[in-house]
Amino acid sequence: MPRYLTMIRLEEGSFRMEDADAGFEARMGALFEEITKAGVMLETAGLKPTSESTRVTWADGKISYTDGPYTETKEVVGGYSITQCRDLAEAIEWSKRFLEVHPPEWKVTCEVREIEEM
């Protein structure tokens, strides 16, 4: 079965987890339990803020380093998951369900990409 990388994109600093409604954590926990029991979830995690990151760039034959935060970047990858699904449609359905758990006033995007097996 193919594996999929889902990148969770958001506007860094646009909302705080502390401001989520009271049922958010329970809904997320129930979804994670369901997707794990279904044998779909292989790995997932949130990411630290860009203020704690460094970009390493290769250009013109040289390496450069840029410490975060990145003022030119509005939307960042805030988390990820790796799932194993029958097909892209199933991976998208799990991403849809993940998004629907969030408070309606939050803007969160999932980019779902199949992992190329070598």
C-alpha atoms as a PDB file:
ATOM      1  CA  MET A   1       0.000   0.000   0.000  1.00  0.00           C
ATOM      2  CA  PRO A   2       1.270   3.484  -0.776  1.00  0.00           C
ATOM      3  CA  ARG A   3       2.422   5.876   1.932  1.00  0.00           C
ATOM      4  CA  TYR A   4       1.430   9.540   2.041  1.00  0.00           C
ATOM      5  CA  LEU A   5       3.034  12.573   3.629  1.00  0.00           C
ATOM      6  CA  THR A   6       0.512  15.118   4.838  1.00  0.00           C
ATOM      7  CA  MET A   7       1.969  18.527   5.626  1.00  0.00           C
ATOM      8  CA  ILE A   8      -0.152  20.660   7.927  1.00  0.00           C
ATOM      9  CA  ARG A   9       0.129  24.260   6.765  1.00  0.00           C
ATOM     10  CA  LEU A  10      -0.943  27.234   8.841  1.00  0.00           C
ATOM     11  CA  GLU A  11      -0.268  30.901   9.391  1.00  0.00           C
ATOM     12  CA  GLU A  12       2.191  30.852  12.251  1.00  0.00           C
ATOM     13  CA  GLY A  13       0.906  32.808  15.241  1.00  0.00           C
ATOM     14  CA  SER A  14      -2.616  33.212  13.833  1.00  0.00           C
ATOM     15  CA  PHE A  15      -4.143  31.139  16.656  1.00  0.00           C
ATOM     16  CA  ARG A  16      -3.118  29.570  19.945  1.00  0.00           C
ATOM     17  CA  MET A  17      -3.870  26.044  21.091  1.00  0.00           C
ATOM     18  CA  GLU A  18      -4.992  27.498  24.421  1.00  0.00           C
ATOM     19  CA  ASP A  19      -7.829  29.279  22.597  1.00  0.00           C
ATOM     20  CA  ALA A  20      -9.329  26.078  21.166  1.00  0.00           C
ATOM     21  CA  ASP A  21     -12.791  25.081  22.361  1.00  0.00           C
ATOM     22  CA  ALA A  22     -13.036  22.674  25.299  1.00  0.00           C
ATOM     23  CA  GLY A  23     -13.763  19.630  23.132  1.00  0.00           C
ATOM     24  CA  PHE A  24     -10.904  20.095  20.646  1.00  0.00           C
ATOM     25  CA  GLU A  25      -8.354  17.869  22.387  1.00  0.00           C
ATOM     26  CA  ALA A  26     -10.915  15.091  22.944  1.00  0.00           C
ATOM     27  CA  ARG A  27     -11.999  15.170  19.279  1.00  0.00           C
ATOM     28  CA  MET A  28      -8.379  15.080  18.105  1.00  0.00           C
ATOM     29  CA  GLY A  29      -7.549  12.246  20.499  1.00  0.00           C
ATOM     30  CA  ALA A  30     -10.527  10.206  19.280  1.00  0.00           C
ATOM     31  CA  LEU A  31      -9.535  10.712  15.638  1.00  0.00           C
ATOM     32  CA  PHE A  32      -5.911   9.743  16.319  1.00  0.00           C
ATOM     33  CA  GLU A  33      -7.082   6.635  18.164  1.00  0.00           C
ATOM     34  CA  GLU A  34      -9.353   5.677  15.258  1.00  0.00           C
ATOM     35  CA  ILE A  35      -6.731   6.242  12.536  1.00  0.00           C
ATOM     36  CA  THR A  36      -4.131   4.310  14.564  1.00  0.00           C
ATOM     37  CA  LYS A  37      -6.466   1.364  15.197  1.00  0.00           C
ATOM     38  CA  ALA A  38      -7.299   1.331  11.467  1.00  0.00           C
ATOM     39  CA  GLY A  39      -3.584   0.750  10.787  1.00  0.00           C
ATOM     40  CA  VAL A  40      -3.329   3.911   8.701  1.00  0.00           C
ATOM     41  CA  MET A  41      -1.233   6.237  10.895  1.00  0.00           C
ATOM     42  CA  LEU A  42       2.480   5.463  10.778  1.00  0.00           C
ATOM     43  CA  GLU A  43       3.824   8.675  12.319  1.00  0.00           C
ATOM     44  CA  THR A  44       2.660  12.184  13.204  1.00  0.00           C
ATOM     45  CA  ALA A  45       4.024  15.219  15.046  1.00  0.00           C
ATOM     46  CA  GLY A  46       3.741  18.948  15.370  1.00  0.00           C
ATOM     47  CA  LEU A  47       6.738  21.139  14.617  1.00  0.00           C
ATOM     48  CA  LYS A  48       8.414  23.799  16.755  1.00  0.00           C
ATOM     49  CA  PRO A  49       7.945  27.411  15.595  1.00  0.00           C
ATOM     50  CA  THR A  50      10.130  28.802  12.814  1.00  0.00           C
ATOM     51  CA  SER A  51      11.826  31.055  15.385  1.00  0.00           C
ATOM     52  CA  GLU A  52      13.604  27.878  16.523  1.00  0.00           C
ATOM     53  CA  SER A  53      14.641  26.722  13.043  1.00  0.00           C
ATOM     54  CA  THR A  54      17.372  27.217  10.460  1.00  0.00           C
ATOM     55  CA  ARG A  55      17.150  26.999   6.674  1.00  0.00           C
ATOM     56  CA  VAL A  56      20.139  25.532   4.886  1.00  0.00           C
ATOM     57  CA  THR A  57      20.331  26.609   1.236  1.00  0.00           C
ATOM     58  CA  TRP A  58      22.528  25.467  -1.646  1.00  0.00           C
ATOM     59  CA  ALA A  59      22.870  28.144  -4.353  1.00  0.00           C
ATOM     60  CA  ASP A  60      25.627  29.087  -6.764  1.00  0.00           C
ATOM     61  CA  GLY A  61      27.837  26.318  -5.370  1.00  0.00           C
ATOM     62  CA  LYS A  62      27.701  27.654  -1.804  1.00  0.00           C
ATOM     63  CA  ILE A  63      25.871  26.778   1.405  1.00  0.00           C
ATOM     64  CA  SER A  64      24.093  29.518   3.355  1.00  0.00           C
ATOM     65  CA  TYR A  65      22.185  29.455   6.623  1.00  0.00           C
ATOM     66  CA  THR A  66      19.171  31.557   7.609  1.00  0.00           C
ATOM     67  CA  ASP A  67      17.875  31.476  11.166  1.00  0.00           C
ATOM     68  CA  GLY A  68      14.135  31.805  11.696  1.00  0.00           C
ATOM     69  CA  PRO A  69      11.674  33.314  11.979  1.00  0.00           C
ATOM     70  CA  TYR A  70      11.256  33.916   8.268  1.00  0.00           C
ATOM     71  CA  THR A  71       9.488  37.227   7.805  1.00  0.00           C
ATOM     72  CA  GLU A  72       8.943  36.622   4.086  1.00  0.00           C
ATOM     73  CA  THR A  73       6.977  33.445   4.829  1.00  0.00           C
ATOM     74  CA  LYS A  74       3.384  33.790   5.952  1.00  0.00           C
ATOM     75  CA  GLU A  75       2.288  30.149   5.771  1.00  0.00           C
ATOM     76  CA  VAL A  76       4.485  27.450   7.343  1.00  0.00           C
ATOM     77  CA  VAL A  77       4.440  23.696   7.856  1.00  0.00           C
ATOM     78  CA  GLY A  78       3.273  23.310  11.456  1.00  0.00           C
ATOM     79  CA  GLY A  79       3.108  19.523  11.552  1.00  0.00           C
ATOM     80  CA  TYR A  80       3.045  16.377   9.477  1.00  0.00           C
ATOM     81  CA  SER A  81       1.798  12.832   9.303  1.00  0.00           C
ATOM     82  CA  ILE A  82       2.839   9.757   7.391  1.00  0.00           C
ATOM     83  CA  THR A  83      -0.027   7.416   6.602  1.00  0.00           C
ATOM     84  CA  GLN A  84      -0.423   4.205   4.669  1.00  0.00           C
ATOM     85  CA  CYS A  85      -3.640   4.228   2.652  1.00  0.00           C
ATOM     86  CA  ARG A  86      -5.222   2.251  -0.183  1.00  0.00           C
ATOM     87  CA  ASP A  87      -5.058   5.285  -2.469  1.00  0.00           C
ATOM     88  CA  LEU A  88      -4.978   9.084  -2.611  1.00  0.00           C
ATOM     89  CA  ALA A  89      -8.740   9.287  -2.082  1.00  0.00           C
ATOM     90  CA  GLU A  90      -8.443   7.536   1.291  1.00  0.00           C
ATOM     91  CA  ALA A  91      -5.502   9.770   2.319  1.00  0.00           C
ATOM     92  CA  ILE A  92      -7.554  12.845   1.421  1.00  0.00           C
ATOM     93  CA  GLU A  93     -10.556  11.551   3.378  1.00  0.00           C
ATOM     94  CA  TRP A  94      -8.437  11.185   6.541  1.00  0.00           C
ATOM     95  CA  SER A  95      -7.058  14.707   5.988  1.00  0.00           C
ATOM     96  CA  LYS A  96     -10.603  16.049   5.605  1.00  0.00           C
ATOM     97  CA  ARG A  97     -11.597  14.426   8.865  1.00  0.00           C
ATOM     98  CA  PHE A  98      -8.495  15.853  10.569  1.00  0.00           C
ATOM     99  CA  LEU A  99      -9.380  19.369   9.403  1.00  0.00           C
ATOM    100  CA  GLU A 100     -13.006  19.060  10.520  1.00  0.00           C
ATOM    101  CA  VAL A 101     -11.861  18.431  14.120  1.00  0.00           C
ATOM    102  CA  HIS A 102     -10.425  21.977  14.311  1.00  0.00           C
ATOM    103  CA  PRO A 103     -12.382  25.039  15.463  1.00  0.00           C
ATOM    104  CA  PRO A 104     -14.188  26.616  12.477  1.00  0.00           C
ATOM    105  CA  GLU A 105     -12.471  29.996  12.897  1.00  0.00           C
ATOM    106  CA  TRP A 106      -8.985  28.486  12.394  1.00  0.00           C
ATOM    107  CA  LYS A 107      -7.433  28.310   8.931  1.00  0.00           C
ATOM    108  CA  VAL A 108      -5.484  25.068   8.494  1.00  0.00           C
ATOM    109  CA  THR A 109      -4.489  23.414   5.201  1.00  0.00           C
ATOM    110  CA  CYS A 110      -3.350  19.850   4.533  1.00  0.00           C
ATOM    111  CA  GLU A 111      -1.103  19.117   1.568  1.00  0.00           C
ATOM    112  CA  VAL A 112      -1.291  15.390   0.809  1.00  0.00           C
ATOM    113  CA  ARG A 113       1.513  13.860  -1.289  1.00  0.00           C
ATOM    114  CA  GLU A 114       2.295  10.262  -2.077  1.00  0.00           C
ATOM    115  CA  ILE A 115       5.763   9.161  -1.005  1.00  0.00           C
ATOM    116  CA  GLU A 116       7.747   7.859  -3.940  1.00  0.00           C
ATOM    117  CA  GLU A 117       8.984   4.391  -3.061  1.00  0.00           C
ATOM    118  CA  MET A 118      12.424   3.557  -4.391  1.00  0.00           C
END
